[in-house]
């Protein structure tokens, strides 16, 4: 007789990541998501103009603030996320490049 394992809605198999997520609080899950979606300094040049990535980063931060009962902060992040998606904001220039060009301008005077 074959030993078959079937996954049905009545008896779902739970994998290790699902078990881990069940042990975390809702805020901890939101914080983990926000950390994962945060654009790190080493990825900033690559993702600074990536509208979906920037919107995801802001929306995840908004969720954390909302769960911490800080609706004003959440709303600001949600509005920023929407602005990335509706193209009403753009990435600022790179701070390092701005410093270099300002320094070069001063040096050439």
Protein backbone atom coordinates (compact mmCIF):
# COMPACT_ATOMS: atom_id res chain seq x y z
CA UNK A 1 0.00 0.00 0.00
CA UNK A 2 1.31 3.45 -0.87
CA UNK A 3 1.71 5.99 1.90
CA UNK A 4 0.34 9.23 0.52
CA UNK A 5 0.20 12.57 2.27
CA UNK A 6 -2.59 14.74 1.04
CA UNK A 7 -3.09 18.37 1.88
CA UNK A 8 -6.72 19.23 2.26
CA UNK A 9 -8.41 22.34 3.61
CA UNK A 10 -9.37 20.33 6.70
CA UNK A 11 -5.80 19.18 7.43
CA UNK A 12 -3.25 21.59 5.94
CA UNK A 13 0.42 20.78 6.27
CA UNK A 14 2.27 23.49 8.17
CA UNK A 15 5.80 24.23 7.02
CA UNK A 16 8.52 25.67 9.24
CA UNK A 17 8.08 29.26 8.05
CA UNK A 18 4.37 29.11 8.85
CA UNK A 19 5.15 27.77 12.32
CA UNK A 20 7.66 30.58 12.87
CA UNK A 21 5.16 33.21 11.77
CA UNK A 22 2.58 31.83 14.18
CA UNK A 23 5.02 32.37 17.06
CA UNK A 24 5.55 36.05 16.24
CA UNK A 25 3.21 38.87 17.19
CA UNK A 26 1.46 40.85 14.49
CA UNK A 27 3.73 43.84 15.15
CA UNK A 28 6.83 41.64 14.93
CA UNK A 29 5.65 40.28 11.59
CA UNK A 30 5.00 43.80 10.29
CA UNK A 31 8.42 44.94 11.51
CA UNK A 32 10.09 41.97 9.83
CA UNK A 33 8.29 42.82 6.59
CA UNK A 34 9.28 46.48 6.87
CA UNK A 35 12.90 45.50 7.47
CA UNK A 36 12.88 43.19 4.47
CA UNK A 37 11.39 45.89 2.22
CA UNK A 38 13.63 48.72 3.45
CA UNK A 39 15.97 49.97 0.76
CA UNK A 40 19.43 49.69 2.24
CA UNK A 41 22.24 52.14 1.43
CA UNK A 42 23.98 49.56 -0.78
CA UNK A 43 20.80 49.15 -2.88
CA UNK A 44 19.79 52.83 -2.91
CA UNK A 45 21.24 53.66 -6.34
CA UNK A 46 19.68 50.56 -7.84
CA UNK A 47 16.21 51.09 -6.34
CA UNK A 48 15.92 54.84 -5.72
CA UNK A 49 13.61 55.31 -8.73
CA UNK A 50 11.87 51.94 -8.54
CA UNK A 51 8.35 53.13 -7.80
CA UNK A 52 6.89 49.78 -6.69
CA UNK A 53 9.86 49.14 -4.37
CA UNK A 54 9.60 52.61 -2.85
CA UNK A 55 5.82 52.24 -2.41
CA UNK A 56 6.23 48.82 -0.77
CA UNK A 57 8.81 50.26 1.62
CA UNK A 58 6.47 53.09 2.66
CA UNK A 59 3.37 50.88 2.89
CA UNK A 60 5.17 48.40 5.15
CA UNK A 61 6.34 51.23 7.39
CA UNK A 62 2.75 52.52 7.50
CA UNK A 63 1.52 49.14 8.68
CA UNK A 64 4.02 49.16 11.56
CA UNK A 65 2.90 52.64 12.64
CA UNK A 66 -0.76 51.68 12.34
CA UNK A 67 -0.26 48.60 14.52
CA UNK A 68 1.55 50.77 17.07
CA UNK A 69 -1.52 53.04 17.21
CA UNK A 70 0.21 55.96 15.51
CA UNK A 71 -2.31 56.75 12.75
CA UNK A 72 -0.82 60.12 11.78
CA UNK A 73 2.54 58.50 11.02
CA UNK A 74 0.79 55.66 9.20
CA UNK A 75 -1.21 58.08 7.07
CA UNK A 76 1.90 60.03 6.09
CA UNK A 77 3.60 56.81 4.94
CA UNK A 78 0.52 55.65 3.05
CA UNK A 79 0.29 59.01 1.29
CA UNK A 80 3.97 58.74 0.37
CA UNK A 81 3.40 55.22 -0.98
CA UNK A 82 0.48 56.47 -3.08
CA UNK A 83 2.62 59.34 -4.35
CA UNK A 84 5.24 56.89 -5.58
CA UNK A 85 2.58 54.93 -7.40
CA UNK A 86 0.80 57.91 -8.94
CA UNK A 87 4.17 59.41 -9.97
CA UNK A 88 3.68 62.65 -8.04
CA UNK A 89 7.07 62.25 -6.32
CA UNK A 90 10.51 61.40 -7.63
CA UNK A 91 13.70 60.23 -6.02
CA UNK A 92 15.93 62.98 -4.63
CA UNK A 93 19.45 63.26 -6.01
CA UNK A 94 22.11 61.13 -4.41
CA UNK A 95 23.51 62.92 -1.33
CA UNK A 96 27.03 61.74 -2.17
CA UNK A 97 26.84 63.08 -5.71
CA UNK A 98 25.51 66.41 -4.48
CA UNK A 99 28.43 66.75 -2.08
CA UNK A 100 30.94 65.88 -4.78
CA UNK A 101 29.55 68.39 -7.25
CA UNK A 102 29.35 71.11 -4.58
CA UNK A 103 32.91 70.34 -3.53
CA UNK A 104 34.06 70.38 -7.17
CA UNK A 105 32.35 73.75 -7.69
CA UNK A 106 34.07 75.22 -4.64
CA UNK A 107 37.41 73.75 -5.66
CA UNK A 108 37.21 75.25 -9.14
CA UNK A 109 36.62 78.79 -7.84
